[in-house]
Amino acid sequence: MPKHTPNPPERGMSMFTVDPDADPGSIAIQAFETFCSVNDLLLDLADSLDDKARHMAMAIYQLSELGLMLVEKSLETGQPSTAV
């Protein structure tokens, strides 16, 4: 019996969407808050790990921190970037 699975969404989980009419400033603020939460979770996780796993968690933390800095800069300028 063949297994029928739907095609996966192109990016991310399809149950989450961003309102296309949402204010760009509000989106940037939410992104900032999300990055802050991710950073806290990653630091807590890294504290519970050893060796290679800890280094990997810290590398992910550093990437997340870079994302946080980019969002923070866009909030400072008041013009969140739409470029990808």
PDB file of N, CA and C in Angstrom:
ATOM      1  N   MET A   1       0.839  -1.172   0.000  1.00  0.00           N
ATOM      2  CA  MET A   1       0.000   0.000   0.000  1.00  0.00           C
ATOM      3  C   MET A   1       0.892   1.246   0.000  1.00  0.00           C
ATOM      4  N   PRO A   2       0.735   2.113  -1.004  1.00  0.00           N
ATOM      5  CA  PRO A   2       1.577   3.308  -1.070  1.00  0.00           C
ATOM      6  C   PRO A   2       1.212   4.304   0.029  1.00  0.00           C
ATOM      7  N   LYS A   3       2.225   4.951   0.537  1.00  0.00           N
ATOM      8  CA  LYS A   3       2.031   5.962   1.577  1.00  0.00           C
ATOM      9  C   LYS A   3       1.854   7.317   0.900  1.00  0.00           C
ATOM     10  N   HIS A   4       0.749   7.978   1.206  1.00  0.00           N
ATOM     11  CA  HIS A   4       0.471   9.284   0.611  1.00  0.00           C
ATOM     12  C   HIS A   4       0.778  10.371   1.626  1.00  0.00           C
ATOM     13  N   THR A   5       1.755  11.181   1.305  1.00  0.00           N
ATOM     14  CA  THR A   5       2.085  12.306   2.167  1.00  0.00           C
ATOM     15  C   THR A   5       1.968  13.583   1.353  1.00  0.00           C
ATOM     16  N   PRO A   6       1.449  14.635   1.965  1.00  0.00           N
ATOM     17  CA  PRO A   6       1.340  15.904   1.231  1.00  0.00           C
ATOM     18  C   PRO A   6       2.716  16.496   0.980  1.00  0.00           C
ATOM     19  N   ASN A   7       2.784  17.346  -0.030  1.00  0.00           N
ATOM     20  CA  ASN A   7       4.039  18.052  -0.295  1.00  0.00           C
ATOM     21  C   ASN A   7       4.333  18.979   0.871  1.00  0.00           C
ATOM     22  N   PRO A   8       5.590  19.003   1.328  1.00  0.00           N
ATOM     23  CA  PRO A   8       5.909  19.894   2.452  1.00  0.00           C
ATOM     24  C   PRO A   8       5.791  21.348   2.021  1.00  0.00           C
ATOM     25  N   PRO A   9       5.501  22.238   2.973  1.00  0.00           N
ATOM     26  CA  PRO A   9       5.439  23.662   2.618  1.00  0.00           C
ATOM     27  C   PRO A   9       6.800  24.146   2.144  1.00  0.00           C
ATOM     28  N   GLU A  10       6.785  25.202   1.345  1.00  0.00           N
ATOM     29  CA  GLU A  10       8.035  25.721   0.794  1.00  0.00           C
ATOM     30  C   GLU A  10       8.986  26.195   1.880  1.00  0.00           C
ATOM     31  N   ARG A  11       8.466  26.812   2.919  1.00  0.00           N
ATOM     32  CA  ARG A  11       9.334  27.345   3.974  1.00  0.00           C
ATOM     33  C   ARG A  11       8.569  27.333   5.288  1.00  0.00           C
ATOM     34  N   GLY A  12       9.168  26.719   6.280  1.00  0.00           N
ATOM     35  CA  GLY A  12       8.576  26.750   7.610  1.00  0.00           C
ATOM     36  C   GLY A  12       7.318  25.933   7.727  1.00  0.00           C
ATOM     37  N   MET A  13       6.612  26.181   8.800  1.00  0.00           N
ATOM     38  CA  MET A  13       5.375  25.470   9.057  1.00  0.00           C
ATOM     39  C   MET A  13       4.214  26.283   8.493  1.00  0.00           C
ATOM     40  N   SER A  14       3.352  25.641   7.754  1.00  0.00           N
ATOM     41  CA  SER A  14       2.273  26.359   7.093  1.00  0.00           C
ATOM     42  C   SER A  14       1.194  26.845   8.054  1.00  0.00           C
ATOM     43  N   MET A  15       1.194  26.375   9.307  1.00  0.00           N
ATOM     44  CA  MET A  15       0.161  26.823  10.236  1.00  0.00           C
ATOM     45  C   MET A  15       0.458  28.222  10.786  1.00  0.00           C
ATOM     46  N   PHE A  16       1.678  28.714  10.602  1.00  0.00           N
ATOM     47  CA  PHE A  16       2.035  30.044  11.074  1.00  0.00           C
ATOM     48  C   PHE A  16       2.163  30.981   9.884  1.00  0.00           C
ATOM     49  N   THR A  17       1.530  32.118   9.986  1.00  0.00           N
ATOM     50  CA  THR A  17       1.630  33.113   8.921  1.00  0.00           C
ATOM     51  C   THR A  17       1.783  34.498   9.544  1.00  0.00           C
ATOM     52  N   VAL A  18       2.272  35.411   8.755  1.00  0.00           N
ATOM     53  CA  VAL A  18       2.362  36.809   9.163  1.00  0.00           C
ATOM     54  C   VAL A  18       1.323  37.559   8.344  1.00  0.00           C
ATOM     55  N   ASP A  19       0.514  38.322   9.036  1.00  0.00           N
ATOM     56  CA  ASP A  19      -0.528  39.098   8.377  1.00  0.00           C
ATOM     57  C   ASP A  19       0.111  40.025   7.346  1.00  0.00           C
ATOM     58  N   PRO A  20      -0.263  39.893   6.082  1.00  0.00           N
ATOM     59  CA  PRO A  20       0.354  40.739   5.058  1.00  0.00           C
ATOM     60  C   PRO A  20       0.082  42.225   5.272  1.00  0.00           C
ATOM     61  N   ASP A  21      -0.940  42.556   6.058  1.00  0.00           N
ATOM     62  CA  ASP A  21      -1.265  43.957   6.326  1.00  0.00           C
ATOM     63  C   ASP A  21      -0.660  44.464   7.638  1.00  0.00           C
ATOM     64  N   ALA A  22       0.151  43.627   8.288  1.00  0.00           N
ATOM     65  CA  ALA A  22       0.739  44.022   9.571  1.00  0.00           C
ATOM     66  C   ALA A  22       1.720  45.175   9.378  1.00  0.00           C
ATOM     67  N   ASP A  23       1.734  46.051  10.356  1.00  0.00           N
ATOM     68  CA  ASP A  23       2.636  47.198  10.352  1.00  0.00           C
ATOM     69  C   ASP A  23       4.092  46.720  10.419  1.00  0.00           C
ATOM     70  N   PRO A  24       4.957  47.163   9.511  1.00  0.00           N
ATOM     71  CA  PRO A  24       6.357  46.722   9.531  1.00  0.00           C
ATOM     72  C   PRO A  24       7.068  46.981  10.859  1.00  0.00           C
ATOM     73  N   GLY A  25       6.745  48.077  11.520  1.00  0.00           N
ATOM     74  CA  GLY A  25       7.351  48.360  12.812  1.00  0.00           C
ATOM     75  C   GLY A  25       6.940  47.328  13.861  1.00  0.00           C
ATOM     76  N   SER A  26       5.681  46.936  13.841  1.00  0.00           N
ATOM     77  CA  SER A  26       5.198  45.920  14.772  1.00  0.00           C
ATOM     78  C   SER A  26       5.858  44.570  14.502  1.00  0.00           C
ATOM     79  N   ILE A  27       6.049  44.259  13.243  1.00  0.00           N
ATOM     80  CA  ILE A  27       6.730  43.013  12.881  1.00  0.00           C
ATOM     81  C   ILE A  27       8.164  43.042  13.394  1.00  0.00           C
ATOM     82  N   ALA A  28       8.843  44.167  13.229  1.00  0.00           N
ATOM     83  CA  ALA A  28      10.230  44.280  13.684  1.00  0.00           C
ATOM     84  C   ALA A  28      10.310  44.144  15.206  1.00  0.00           C
ATOM     85  N   ILE A  29       9.368  44.745  15.920  1.00  0.00           N
ATOM     86  CA  ILE A  29       9.361  44.632  17.383  1.00  0.00           C
ATOM     87  C   ILE A  29       9.132  43.190  17.804  1.00  0.00           C
ATOM     88  N   GLN A  30       8.200  42.496  17.144  1.00  0.00           N
ATOM     89  CA  GLN A  30       7.949  41.090  17.462  1.00  0.00           C
ATOM     90  C   GLN A  30       9.176  40.236  17.156  1.00  0.00           C
ATOM     91  N   ALA A  31       9.851  40.527  16.040  1.00  0.00           N
ATOM     92  CA  ALA A  31      11.073  39.789  15.698  1.00  0.00           C
ATOM     93  C   ALA A  31      12.136  40.019  16.769  1.00  0.00           C
ATOM     94  N   PHE A  32      12.264  41.242  17.247  1.00  0.00           N
ATOM     95  CA  PHE A  32      13.221  41.566  18.306  1.00  0.00           C
ATOM     96  C   PHE A  32      12.918  40.750  19.565  1.00  0.00           C
ATOM     97  N   GLU A  33      11.660  40.742  19.984  1.00  0.00           N
ATOM     98  CA  GLU A  33      11.261  39.987  21.174  1.00  0.00           C
ATOM     99  C   GLU A  33      11.509  38.491  20.991  1.00  0.00           C
ATOM    100  N   THR A  34      11.255  37.995  19.798  1.00  0.00           N
ATOM    101  CA  THR A  34      11.482  36.569  19.513  1.00  0.00           C
ATOM    102  C   THR A  34      12.956  36.230  19.620  1.00  0.00           C
ATOM    103  N   PHE A  35      13.812  37.055  19.016  1.00  0.00           N
ATOM    104  CA  PHE A  35      15.258  36.823  19.108  1.00  0.00           C
ATOM    105  C   PHE A  35      15.737  36.878  20.552  1.00  0.00           C
ATOM    106  N   CYS A  36      15.204  37.822  21.337  1.00  0.00           N
ATOM    107  CA  CYS A  36      15.594  37.907  22.753  1.00  0.00           C
ATOM    108  C   CYS A  36      15.251  36.611  23.482  1.00  0.00           C
ATOM    109  N   SER A  37      14.069  36.074  23.227  1.00  0.00           N
ATOM    110  CA  SER A  37      13.660  34.817  23.867  1.00  0.00           C
ATOM    111  C   SER A  37      14.533  33.655  23.421  1.00  0.00           C
ATOM    112  N   VAL A  38      14.826  33.593  22.129  1.00  0.00           N
ATOM    113  CA  VAL A  38      15.686  32.520  21.605  1.00  0.00           C
ATOM    114  C   VAL A  38      17.070  32.605  22.246  1.00  0.00           C
ATOM    115  N   ASN A  39      17.599  33.794  22.362  1.00  0.00           N
ATOM    116  CA  ASN A  39      18.925  33.971  22.976  1.00  0.00           C
ATOM    117  C   ASN A  39      18.940  33.465  24.408  1.00  0.00           C
ATOM    118  N   ASP A  40      17.911  33.815  25.179  1.00  0.00           N
ATOM    119  CA  ASP A  40      17.835  33.344  26.566  1.00  0.00           C
ATOM    120  C   ASP A  40      17.765  31.820  26.630  1.00  0.00           C
ATOM    121  N   LEU A  41      16.945  31.226  25.769  1.00  0.00           N
ATOM    122  CA  LEU A  41      16.818  29.770  25.749  1.00  0.00           C
ATOM    123  C   LEU A  41      18.133  29.095  25.356  1.00  0.00           C
ATOM    124  N   LEU A  42      18.828  29.658  24.388  1.00  0.00           N
ATOM    125  CA  LEU A  42      20.098  29.071  23.951  1.00  0.00           C
ATOM    126  C   LEU A  42      21.168  29.146  25.031  1.00  0.00           C
ATOM    127  N   LEU A  43      21.221  30.258  25.753  1.00  0.00           N
ATOM    128  CA  LEU A  43      22.204  30.365  26.836  1.00  0.00           C
ATOM    129  C   LEU A  43      21.902  29.372  27.954  1.00  0.00           C
ATOM    130  N   ASP A  44      20.611  29.212  28.283  1.00  0.00           N
ATOM    131  CA  ASP A  44      20.238  28.218  29.287  1.00  0.00           C
ATOM    132  C   ASP A  44      20.597  26.817  28.819  1.00  0.00           C
ATOM    133  N   LEU A  45      20.336  26.524  27.554  1.00  0.00           N
ATOM    134  CA  LEU A  45      20.666  25.211  27.006  1.00  0.00           C
ATOM    135  C   LEU A  45      22.167  24.977  27.035  1.00  0.00           C
ATOM    136  N   ALA A  46      22.937  25.964  26.610  1.00  0.00           N
ATOM    137  CA  ALA A  46      24.396  25.819  26.565  1.00  0.00           C
ATOM    138  C   ALA A  46      24.969  25.526  27.951  1.00  0.00           C
ATOM    139  N   ASP A  47      24.358  26.116  28.986  1.00  0.00           N
ATOM    140  CA  ASP A  47      24.830  25.864  30.357  1.00  0.00           C
ATOM    141  C   ASP A  47      24.669  24.407  30.772  1.00  0.00           C
ATOM    142  N   SER A  48      23.730  23.710  30.139  1.00  0.00           N
ATOM    143  CA  SER A  48      23.477  22.323  30.525  1.00  0.00           C
ATOM    144  C   SER A  48      24.236  21.317  29.654  1.00  0.00           C
ATOM    145  N   LEU A  49      24.999  21.800  28.701  1.00  0.00           N
ATOM    146  CA  LEU A  49      25.705  20.917  27.764  1.00  0.00           C
ATOM    147  C   LEU A  49      27.206  20.937  28.004  1.00  0.00           C
ATOM    148  N   ASP A  50      27.875  19.957  27.426  1.00  0.00           N
ATOM    149  CA  ASP A  50      29.340  19.879  27.506  1.00  0.00           C
ATOM    150  C   ASP A  50      29.935  19.769  26.116  1.00  0.00           C
ATOM    151  N   ASP A  51      31.168  20.175  26.005  1.00  0.00           N
ATOM    152  CA  ASP A  51      32.013  19.978  24.831  1.00  0.00           C
ATOM    153  C   ASP A  51      31.358  20.405  23.517  1.00  0.00           C
ATOM    154  N   LYS A  52      31.307  19.482  22.540  1.00  0.00           N
ATOM    155  CA  LYS A  52      30.872  19.816  21.187  1.00  0.00           C
ATOM    156  C   LYS A  52      29.441  20.369  21.157  1.00  0.00           C
ATOM    157  N   ALA A  53      28.543  19.760  21.919  1.00  0.00           N
ATOM    158  CA  ALA A  53      27.155  20.237  21.926  1.00  0.00           C
ATOM    159  C   ALA A  53      27.073  21.668  22.465  1.00  0.00           C
ATOM    160  N   ARG A  54      27.874  21.968  23.481  1.00  0.00           N
ATOM    161  CA  ARG A  54      27.895  23.332  24.037  1.00  0.00           C
ATOM    162  C   ARG A  54      28.424  24.314  23.001  1.00  0.00           C
ATOM    163  N   HIS A  55      29.480  23.940  22.303  1.00  0.00           N
ATOM    164  CA  HIS A  55      30.028  24.824  21.268  1.00  0.00           C
ATOM    165  C   HIS A  55      29.013  25.070  20.159  1.00  0.00           C
ATOM    166  N   MET A  56      28.264  24.043  19.799  1.00  0.00           N
ATOM    167  CA  MET A  56      27.257  24.204  18.758  1.00  0.00           C
ATOM    168  C   MET A  56      26.132  25.128  19.240  1.00  0.00           C
ATOM    169  N   ALA A  57      25.686  24.955  20.480  1.00  0.00           N
ATOM    170  CA  ALA A  57      24.640  25.828  21.023  1.00  0.00           C
ATOM    171  C   ALA A  57      25.130  27.272  21.068  1.00  0.00           C
ATOM    172  N   MET A  58      26.387  27.472  21.426  1.00  0.00           N
ATOM    173  CA  MET A  58      26.931  28.827  21.475  1.00  0.00           C
ATOM    174  C   MET A  58      27.071  29.432  20.078  1.00  0.00           C
ATOM    175  N   ALA A  59      27.382  28.617  19.086  1.00  0.00           N
ATOM    176  CA  ALA A  59      27.455  29.118  17.706  1.00  0.00           C
ATOM    177  C   ALA A  59      26.063  29.553  17.233  1.00  0.00           C
ATOM    178  N   ILE A  60      25.044  28.766  17.561  1.00  0.00           N
ATOM    179  CA  ILE A  60      23.674  29.140  17.202  1.00  0.00           C
ATOM    180  C   ILE A  60      23.280  30.414  17.942  1.00  0.00           C
ATOM    181  N   TYR A  61      23.681  30.522  19.204  1.00  0.00           N
ATOM    182  CA  TYR A  61      23.409  31.735  19.981  1.00  0.00           C
ATOM    183  C   TYR A  61      24.024  32.957  19.291  1.00  0.00           C
ATOM    184  N   GLN A  62      25.264  32.821  18.822  1.00  0.00           N
ATOM    185  CA  GLN A  62      25.930  33.953  18.178  1.00  0.00           C
ATOM    186  C   GLN A  62      25.205  34.364  16.901  1.00  0.00           C
ATOM    187  N   LEU A  63      24.706  33.400  16.135  1.00  0.00           N
ATOM    188  CA  LEU A  63      23.934  33.728  14.931  1.00  0.00           C
ATOM    189  C   LEU A  63      22.629  34.433  15.307  1.00  0.00           C
ATOM    190  N   SER A  64      22.006  33.953  16.370  1.00  0.00           N
ATOM    191  CA  SER A  64      20.776  34.578  16.841  1.00  0.00           C
ATOM    192  C   SER A  64      21.048  35.996  17.330  1.00  0.00           C
ATOM    193  N   GLU A  65      22.159  36.179  18.014  1.00  0.00           N
ATOM    194  CA  GLU A  65      22.530  37.511  18.492  1.00  0.00           C
ATOM    195  C   GLU A  65      22.756  38.456  17.310  1.00  0.00           C
ATOM    196  N   LEU A  66      23.344  37.961  16.239  1.00  0.00           N
ATOM    197  CA  LEU A  66      23.524  38.782  15.038  1.00  0.00           C
ATOM    198  C   LEU A  66      22.162  39.190  14.481  1.00  0.00           C
ATOM    199  N   GLY A  67      21.218  38.249  14.414  1.00  0.00           N
ATOM    200  CA  GLY A  67      19.868  38.581  13.960  1.00  0.00           C
ATOM    201  C   GLY A  67      19.232  39.633  14.844  1.00  0.00           C
ATOM    202  N   LEU A  68      19.418  39.512  16.150  1.00  0.00           N
ATOM    203  CA  LEU A  68      18.891  40.484  17.106  1.00  0.00           C
ATOM    204  C   LEU A  68      19.481  41.867  16.845  1.00  0.00           C
ATOM    205  N   MET A  69      20.770  41.923  16.599  1.00  0.00           N
ATOM    206  CA  MET A  69      21.425  43.204  16.334  1.00  0.00           C
ATOM    207  C   MET A  69      20.895  43.840  15.047  1.00  0.00           C
ATOM    208  N   LEU A  70      20.641  43.023  14.031  1.00  0.00           N
ATOM    209  CA  LEU A  70      20.109  43.547  12.771  1.00  0.00           C
ATOM    210  C   LEU A  70      18.704  44.113  12.951  1.00  0.00           C
ATOM    211  N   VAL A  71      17.869  43.394  13.691  1.00  0.00           N
ATOM    212  CA  VAL A  71      16.518  43.887  13.946  1.00  0.00           C
ATOM    213  C   VAL A  71      16.570  45.151  14.794  1.00  0.00           C
ATOM    214  N   GLU A  72      17.436  45.147  15.806  1.00  0.00           N
ATOM    215  CA  GLU A  72      17.580  46.315  16.667  1.00  0.00           C
ATOM    216  C   GLU A  72      17.988  47.543  15.846  1.00  0.00           C
ATOM    217  N   LYS A  73      18.910  47.366  14.922  1.00  0.00           N
ATOM    218  CA  LYS A  73      19.353  48.471  14.066  1.00  0.00           C
ATOM    219  C   LYS A  73      18.201  48.978  13.201  1.00  0.00           C
ATOM    220  N   SER A  74      17.388  48.062  12.685  1.00  0.00           N
ATOM    221  CA  SER A  74      16.260  48.501  11.856  1.00  0.00           C
ATOM    222  C   SER A  74      15.237  49.264  12.687  1.00  0.00           C
ATOM    223  N   LEU A  75      15.085  48.886  13.965  1.00  0.00           N
ATOM    224  CA  LEU A  75      14.170  49.628  14.838  1.00  0.00           C
ATOM    225  C   LEU A  75      14.712  51.019  15.160  1.00  0.00           C
ATOM    226  N   GLU A  76      16.036  51.125  15.315  1.00  0.00           N
ATOM    227  CA  GLU A  76      16.654  52.429  15.598  1.00  0.00           C
ATOM    228  C   GLU A  76      16.455  53.403  14.450  1.00  0.00           C
ATOM    229  N   THR A  77      16.566  52.906  13.227  1.00  0.00           N
ATOM    230  CA  THR A  77      16.431  53.763  12.056  1.00  0.00           C
ATOM    231  C   THR A  77      14.967  54.038  11.733  1.00  0.00           C
ATOM    232  N   GLY A  78      14.082  53.216  12.271  1.00  0.00           N
ATOM    233  CA  GLY A  78      12.652  53.411  12.017  1.00  0.00           C
ATOM    234  C   GLY A  78      12.203  52.935  10.674  1.00  0.00           C
ATOM    235  N   GLN A  79      13.079  52.272   9.933  1.00  0.00           N
ATOM    236  CA  GLN A  79      12.723  51.793   8.602  1.00  0.00           C
ATOM    237  C   GLN A  79      13.136  50.334   8.463  1.00  0.00           C
ATOM    238  N   PRO A  80      12.319  49.385   8.965  1.00  0.00           N
ATOM    239  CA  PRO A  80      12.669  47.973   8.809  1.00  0.00           C
ATOM    240  C   PRO A  80      12.854  47.635   7.329  1.00  0.00           C
ATOM    241  N   SER A  81      13.905  46.919   7.059  1.00  0.00           N
ATOM    242  CA  SER A  81      14.242  46.556   5.695  1.00  0.00           C
ATOM    243  C   SER A  81      13.322  45.479   5.170  1.00  0.00           C
ATOM    244  N   THR A  82      12.942  45.601   3.881  1.00  0.00           N
ATOM    245  CA  THR A  82      12.140  44.569   3.256  1.00  0.00           C
ATOM    246  C   THR A  82      12.998  43.723   2.325  1.00  0.00           C
ATOM    247  N   ALA A  83      14.288  44.066   2.193  1.00  0.00           N
ATOM    248  CA  ALA A  83      15.184  43.311   1.323  1.00  0.00           C
ATOM    249  C   ALA A  83      15.565  42.008   1.993  1.00  0.00           C
ATOM    250  N   VAL A  84      15.751  40.981   1.179  1.00  0.00           N
ATOM    251  CA  VAL A  84      16.173  39.671   1.701  1.00  0.00           C
ATOM    252  C   VAL A  84      17.567  39.377   1.241  1.00  0.00           C
TER     253      VAL A  84
END
